[in-house]
Amino acid sequence: MTEPKIAALLENVGILISDGQISKLLTSSQEQFQQEKEAIVEAGLNSSRWQHIDDTGTRVDGENRHCQILCNPLYTAYFTTARKDRLTILDVLRYGRERTFRINDEALGLLGQFGVSQRVQEGVRQLPFHQDWSESELNRRLADQIPDLGVVAHERIVEAAAIAAYHAEAGHVRLLLCDDAKQFKLVADELALCWIHDGRHYQSLDPCVALHGQWLDEFRKRYWDYYKELRAYRQAIIRRFRCTIMRRSWEPGRASANGWSATVRAPNKAPRPGTRWKLCWVRPRNSASISFTTFAIVSPAQRK
């Protein structure tokens, strides 16, 4: 987000601040912002085994860069990178930790998919398995084992070893929701297209037979109707979570459990036996990520 857009956003919520002050906040004394971002990304990556990622072009000091967007429904994080290859995507998912590389059966299988020659694969097979190395250590071992290794083959080995090392980590992302750009492929255990990118495949179809075109139009209508139903279902679940009907009596006041708090609103009149009470706007307090807690609401008599 550009500085003028930040100023416009703050102005819309009633905060008057100069462009120069915004620039100063963004370019100096960033330690607090960086610590907060690190905590958000760590909590976001641990909140789910699936993540949504995308990239878009941006400019930094007059040079082309890439903005990587990593998110799920609980958080969004932005990273500016010089490249957008697989190693960069792994850096984003590992949040900038030092790169590690591992040779194992998965790495050898990836070399086959990348089209690396059998001679080079046999040379890599001679390296120790299931050991994590730094990039400099991997390069040294490759230079010793395969002195005449070409540039392209070297890049493929580095990619394969980086992916294998990432998959060996206990908390790696299991499913990546993204478009079908090649840098996202093979990074996670599974790859899923978002609804828009999946729909583009049907948009590009151009049937020659009129009946086939009719079938395609009917399918695309069902496709997008189903998408709208899913969104409506999601919103209904959110509303149901925010305002849950409880079938137990409770005195007006506050209810809490495991860091969650809620306000219990009483009706205007004295309730009859069995009256439903409403638990409104349940939200976490001091929680880095959302977790669901079930607790019972009982009447004052039941509490004694």
Protein backbone atom coordinates (compact mmCIF):
# COMPACT_ATOMS: atom_id res chain seq x y z
CA MET A 1 0.00 0.00 0.00
CA THR A 2 1.46 3.36 -1.00
CA GLU A 3 1.92 6.19 1.47
CA PRO A 4 -0.87 8.35 -0.09
CA LYS A 5 -3.27 5.39 0.23
CA ILE A 6 -2.27 4.92 3.87
CA ALA A 7 -2.92 8.63 4.48
CA ALA A 8 -6.34 8.34 2.79
CA LEU A 9 -7.22 5.27 4.87
CA LEU A 10 -6.27 7.00 8.13
CA GLU A 11 -8.16 10.13 7.12
CA ASN A 12 -11.30 8.08 6.47
CA VAL A 13 -11.27 6.87 10.09
CA GLY A 14 -10.68 10.36 11.46
CA ILE A 15 -6.89 10.32 11.95
CA LEU A 16 -5.13 13.44 10.65
CA ILE A 17 -1.48 12.78 9.86
CA SER A 18 0.91 14.27 7.33
CA ASP A 19 2.52 12.31 4.50
CA GLY A 20 5.92 13.11 5.97
CA GLN A 21 5.00 11.61 9.32
CA ILE A 22 3.75 8.43 7.64
CA SER A 23 7.02 8.16 5.71
CA LYS A 24 9.00 8.64 8.94
CA LEU A 25 7.00 5.90 10.69
CA LEU A 26 7.60 3.49 7.82
CA THR A 27 11.31 4.16 7.29
CA SER A 28 12.66 4.63 10.82
CA SER A 29 12.33 2.79 14.12
CA GLN A 30 10.85 -0.30 12.49
CA GLU A 31 11.87 -2.75 15.22
CA GLN A 32 8.45 -2.72 16.85
CA PHE A 33 6.67 -3.19 13.52
CA GLN A 34 9.04 -6.00 12.55
CA GLN A 35 8.54 -7.83 15.84
CA GLU A 36 4.77 -7.56 15.46
CA LYS A 37 4.94 -8.83 11.87
CA GLU A 38 7.09 -11.78 12.93
CA ALA A 39 4.57 -12.72 15.61
CA ILE A 40 1.65 -12.41 13.16
CA VAL A 41 3.33 -14.54 10.48
CA GLU A 42 4.38 -17.21 12.98
CA ALA A 43 0.86 -17.41 14.42
CA GLY A 44 -0.67 -17.40 10.94
CA LEU A 45 1.52 -20.22 9.65
CA ASN A 46 0.75 -22.28 12.76
CA SER A 47 -2.99 -21.59 12.57
CA SER A 48 -3.66 -23.89 9.62
CA ARG A 49 -1.99 -26.51 7.43
CA TRP A 50 -3.17 -24.62 4.34
CA GLN A 51 -2.13 -21.16 3.19
CA HIS A 52 -3.13 -18.83 0.38
CA ILE A 53 -0.33 -17.19 -1.61
CA ASP A 54 -0.12 -14.87 -4.58
CA ASP A 55 2.27 -12.30 -6.01
CA THR A 56 2.10 -9.06 -7.92
CA GLY A 57 4.65 -6.71 -9.42
CA THR A 58 5.82 -3.64 -7.53
CA ARG A 59 8.52 -0.97 -7.74
CA VAL A 60 11.17 -0.25 -5.10
CA ASP A 61 13.53 2.70 -5.66
CA GLY A 62 12.78 2.58 -9.36
CA GLU A 63 13.52 -1.14 -9.72
CA ASN A 64 11.09 -3.98 -10.42
CA ARG A 65 10.32 -6.20 -7.45
CA HIS A 66 7.66 -8.73 -6.47
CA CYS A 67 5.17 -8.42 -3.64
CA GLN A 68 4.34 -11.82 -2.14
CA ILE A 69 1.00 -12.03 -0.30
CA LEU A 70 0.68 -14.85 2.23
CA CYS A 71 -2.61 -15.26 4.06
CA ASN A 72 -5.55 -17.31 5.29
CA PRO A 73 -8.84 -16.06 6.84
CA LEU A 74 -7.01 -15.16 10.08
CA TYR A 75 -4.12 -12.99 8.83
CA THR A 76 -2.38 -11.41 5.83
CA ALA A 77 1.35 -10.77 5.44
CA TYR A 78 3.26 -9.01 2.66
CA PHE A 79 6.85 -9.60 1.54
CA THR A 80 8.87 -7.71 -1.08
CA THR A 81 11.29 -9.98 -2.94
CA ALA A 82 13.72 -9.58 -5.82
CA ARG A 83 12.62 -12.83 -7.48
CA LYS A 84 9.60 -15.10 -7.58
CA ASP A 85 11.08 -18.55 -8.12
CA ARG A 86 10.50 -21.66 -5.99
CA LEU A 87 13.34 -20.83 -3.61
CA THR A 88 11.76 -17.43 -2.97
CA ILE A 89 8.38 -19.04 -2.25
CA LEU A 90 10.09 -21.41 0.19
CA ASP A 91 11.76 -18.41 1.86
CA VAL A 92 8.35 -16.79 2.30
CA LEU A 93 6.76 -19.94 3.73
CA ARG A 94 9.74 -20.39 6.08
CA TYR A 95 9.63 -16.69 6.91
CA GLY A 96 13.18 -15.88 5.92
CA ARG A 97 14.93 -18.53 7.99
CA GLU A 98 18.27 -19.69 6.65
CA ARG A 99 17.84 -22.04 3.73
CA THR A 100 18.42 -25.72 4.33
CA PHE A 101 18.94 -28.51 1.80
CA ARG A 102 18.53 -32.27 2.03
CA ILE A 103 19.21 -35.20 -0.27
CA ASN A 104 16.71 -38.06 0.03
CA ASP A 105 14.45 -40.18 -2.15
CA GLU A 106 12.05 -37.26 -2.68
CA ALA A 107 14.89 -35.04 -3.92
CA LEU A 108 15.99 -37.73 -6.37
CA GLY A 109 12.42 -38.14 -7.59
CA LEU A 110 12.20 -34.39 -8.20
CA LEU A 111 15.41 -34.48 -10.21
CA GLY A 112 13.74 -37.00 -12.48
CA GLN A 113 10.72 -34.70 -12.90
CA PHE A 114 13.05 -31.78 -13.68
CA GLY A 115 14.69 -33.75 -16.48
CA VAL A 116 18.16 -33.98 -14.92
CA SER A 117 20.38 -36.53 -16.65
CA GLN A 118 20.88 -39.99 -15.18
CA ARG A 119 24.61 -39.36 -14.85
CA VAL A 120 24.00 -36.33 -12.63
CA GLN A 121 21.33 -38.18 -10.66
CA GLU A 122 23.78 -41.00 -9.96
CA GLY A 123 26.32 -38.46 -8.75
CA VAL A 124 23.78 -36.91 -6.39
CA ARG A 125 22.81 -40.39 -5.17
CA GLN A 126 26.34 -40.81 -3.82
CA LEU A 127 25.87 -37.91 -1.39
CA PRO A 128 24.84 -38.65 2.23
CA PHE A 129 21.09 -38.93 2.71
CA HIS A 130 18.85 -37.28 5.35
CA GLN A 131 21.29 -34.58 6.40
CA ASP A 132 20.40 -30.88 6.45
CA TRP A 133 23.04 -28.65 4.87
CA SER A 134 23.50 -24.97 4.30
CA GLU A 135 23.70 -23.68 0.73
CA SER A 136 27.48 -23.30 0.91
CA GLU A 137 27.86 -26.86 2.20
CA LEU A 138 25.65 -28.24 -0.58
CA ASN A 139 27.63 -26.34 -3.22
CA ARG A 140 30.92 -27.66 -1.82
CA ARG A 141 29.72 -31.26 -1.84
CA LEU A 142 28.35 -30.95 -5.37
CA ALA A 143 31.63 -29.46 -6.59
CA ASP A 144 33.55 -32.37 -5.07
CA GLN A 145 31.17 -35.06 -6.32
CA ILE A 146 30.33 -33.67 -9.79
CA PRO A 147 33.13 -31.26 -10.86
CA ASP A 148 31.69 -30.67 -14.35
CA LEU A 149 28.14 -29.93 -13.14
CA GLY A 150 26.34 -27.49 -15.43
CA VAL A 151 24.55 -24.33 -14.28
CA VAL A 152 21.03 -25.53 -15.10
CA ALA A 153 21.54 -28.94 -13.48
CA HIS A 154 22.98 -27.24 -10.40
CA GLU A 155 19.90 -25.02 -10.10
CA ARG A 156 17.62 -28.06 -10.37
CA ILE A 157 19.53 -29.91 -7.65
CA VAL A 158 19.34 -26.89 -5.35
CA GLU A 159 15.58 -26.61 -5.93
CA ALA A 160 14.98 -30.32 -5.35
CA ALA A 161 17.10 -30.40 -2.17
CA ALA A 162 15.39 -27.26 -0.81
CA ILE A 163 11.91 -28.71 -1.41
CA ALA A 164 12.90 -32.03 0.18
CA ALA A 165 14.30 -30.25 3.25
CA TYR A 166 11.15 -28.15 3.60
CA HIS A 167 8.88 -31.20 3.37
CA ALA A 168 10.95 -32.88 6.08
CA GLU A 169 10.02 -30.10 8.51
CA ALA A 170 7.18 -31.00 10.86
CA GLY A 171 5.17 -27.80 10.38
CA HIS A 172 5.41 -27.32 6.63
CA VAL A 173 2.37 -26.16 4.68
CA ARG A 174 0.34 -29.14 3.51
CA LEU A 175 -1.88 -27.38 0.97
CA LEU A 176 -1.15 -24.21 -0.96
CA LEU A 177 -4.05 -22.27 -2.44
CA CYS A 178 -2.83 -20.17 -5.37
CA ASP A 179 -2.84 -19.86 -9.13
CA ASP A 180 -1.11 -22.36 -11.41
CA ALA A 181 2.17 -20.46 -11.80
CA LYS A 182 5.12 -22.84 -11.91
CA GLN A 183 6.90 -21.37 -8.86
CA PHE A 184 4.07 -22.60 -6.61
CA LYS A 185 4.09 -26.17 -7.90
CA LEU A 186 5.75 -28.96 -5.86
CA VAL A 187 6.27 -26.60 -2.89
CA ALA A 188 3.44 -28.05 -0.78
CA ASP A 189 2.05 -31.57 -0.57
CA GLU A 190 -1.06 -30.46 -2.44
CA LEU A 191 -1.89 -27.54 -4.71
CA ALA A 192 -5.36 -26.02 -5.05
CA LEU A 193 -6.56 -23.31 -7.40
CA CYS A 194 -8.78 -20.58 -6.04
CA TRP A 195 -12.27 -20.46 -7.55
CA ILE A 196 -11.44 -17.60 -9.92
CA HIS A 197 -8.33 -19.21 -11.37
CA ASP A 198 -10.07 -22.55 -11.75
CA GLY A 199 -12.96 -20.86 -13.54
CA ARG A 200 -10.61 -19.35 -16.10
CA HIS A 201 -10.12 -22.78 -17.67
CA TYR A 202 -13.82 -23.02 -18.50
CA GLN A 203 -13.88 -19.38 -19.63
CA SER A 204 -11.20 -20.11 -22.25
CA LEU A 205 -13.13 -22.99 -23.82
CA ASP A 206 -14.64 -22.28 -27.27
CA PRO A 207 -16.76 -25.26 -28.41
CA CYS A 208 -17.30 -25.69 -32.15
CA VAL A 209 -20.56 -27.64 -31.73
CA ALA A 210 -23.59 -25.58 -30.70
CA LEU A 211 -24.86 -28.27 -28.32
CA HIS A 212 -21.48 -28.40 -26.60
CA GLY A 213 -21.61 -24.63 -26.19
CA GLN A 214 -25.03 -24.95 -24.56
CA TRP A 215 -23.71 -27.60 -22.16
CA LEU A 216 -20.76 -25.36 -21.30
CA ASP A 217 -23.04 -22.39 -20.57
CA GLU A 218 -25.23 -24.53 -18.32
CA PHE A 219 -22.20 -25.92 -16.50
CA ARG A 220 -20.69 -22.48 -15.95
CA LYS A 221 -23.99 -21.23 -14.54
CA ARG A 222 -24.12 -24.14 -12.09
CA TYR A 223 -20.44 -23.57 -11.32
CA TRP A 224 -20.91 -19.93 -10.28
CA ASP A 225 -24.24 -20.59 -8.57
CA TYR A 226 -22.47 -23.15 -6.40
CA TYR A 227 -19.73 -20.60 -5.67
CA LYS A 228 -22.37 -18.12 -4.48
CA GLU A 229 -23.98 -20.80 -2.31
CA LEU A 230 -20.61 -21.57 -0.69
CA ARG A 231 -20.06 -17.89 0.09
CA ALA A 232 -23.56 -17.61 1.53
CA TYR A 233 -22.93 -20.70 3.65
CA ARG A 234 -19.68 -19.23 4.95
CA GLN A 235 -21.37 -15.98 5.91
CA ALA A 236 -24.18 -17.91 7.62
CA ILE A 237 -21.62 -19.85 9.67
CA ILE A 238 -19.94 -16.58 10.71
CA ARG A 239 -23.28 -15.05 11.76
CA ARG A 240 -24.18 -18.21 13.64
CA PHE A 241 -20.85 -18.11 15.47
CA ARG A 242 -21.22 -14.45 16.36
CA CYS A 243 -24.73 -14.82 17.69
CA THR A 244 -25.42 -18.29 19.11
CA ILE A 245 -28.76 -19.19 20.66
CA MET A 246 -28.34 -20.93 24.00
CA ARG A 247 -31.10 -23.02 25.55
CA ARG A 248 -30.09 -22.50 29.18
CA SER A 249 -31.06 -19.70 31.55
CA TRP A 250 -28.37 -17.25 32.62
CA GLU A 251 -28.29 -13.98 34.48
CA PRO A 252 -27.25 -10.88 32.47
CA GLY A 253 -23.52 -10.16 32.65
CA ARG A 254 -20.25 -11.50 31.34
CA ALA A 255 -19.30 -15.09 30.59
CA SER A 256 -15.76 -16.24 29.92
CA ALA A 257 -13.70 -19.37 29.44
CA ASN A 258 -10.17 -20.06 28.24
CA GLY A 259 -9.57 -16.51 27.10
CA TRP A 260 -12.95 -16.11 25.39
CA SER A 261 -15.47 -13.53 26.57
CA ALA A 262 -19.09 -12.84 25.73
CA THR A 263 -21.94 -10.59 26.75
CA VAL A 264 -25.21 -12.26 27.71
CA ARG A 265 -28.13 -9.96 27.02
CA ALA A 266 -31.35 -10.39 28.95
CA PRO A 267 -34.81 -9.74 27.44
CA ASN A 268 -36.82 -6.69 28.44
CA LYS A 269 -39.36 -8.79 30.34
CA ALA A 270 -38.84 -11.45 32.95
CA PRO A 271 -38.19 -14.69 31.11
CA ARG A 272 -40.45 -17.71 31.29
CA PRO A 273 -38.99 -21.10 32.15
CA GLY A 274 -37.04 -22.46 29.17
CA THR A 275 -36.63 -19.05 27.56
CA ARG A 276 -33.81 -18.88 25.04
CA TRP A 277 -31.01 -16.51 25.88
CA LYS A 278 -28.70 -15.01 23.34
CA LEU A 279 -24.91 -15.14 23.53
CA CYS A 280 -23.62 -12.28 21.39
CA TRP A 281 -20.31 -11.51 19.69
CA VAL A 282 -17.93 -14.09 21.01
CA ARG A 283 -14.33 -13.09 20.41
CA PRO A 284 -10.84 -14.02 21.70
CA ARG A 285 -8.87 -11.88 24.11
CA ASN A 286 -5.07 -11.75 23.99
CA SER A 287 -4.96 -14.62 21.55
CA ALA A 288 -2.53 -14.77 18.62
CA SER A 289 -4.68 -17.26 16.73
CA ILE A 290 -8.29 -18.35 16.96
CA SER A 291 -9.19 -21.58 18.69
CA PHE A 292 -12.68 -22.75 19.45
CA THR A 293 -13.79 -23.34 23.03
CA THR A 294 -16.99 -25.01 24.17
CA PHE A 295 -18.42 -24.13 27.56
CA ALA A 296 -21.83 -24.41 29.21
CA ILE A 297 -24.01 -21.53 30.36
CA VAL A 298 -25.99 -22.43 33.44
CA SER A 299 -28.54 -20.68 35.62
CA PRO A 300 -27.64 -19.09 38.98
CA ALA A 301 -29.46 -21.96 40.75
CA GLN A 302 -27.37 -24.53 38.90
CA ARG A 303 -24.18 -22.76 39.90
CA LYS A 304 -24.86 -23.23 43.63
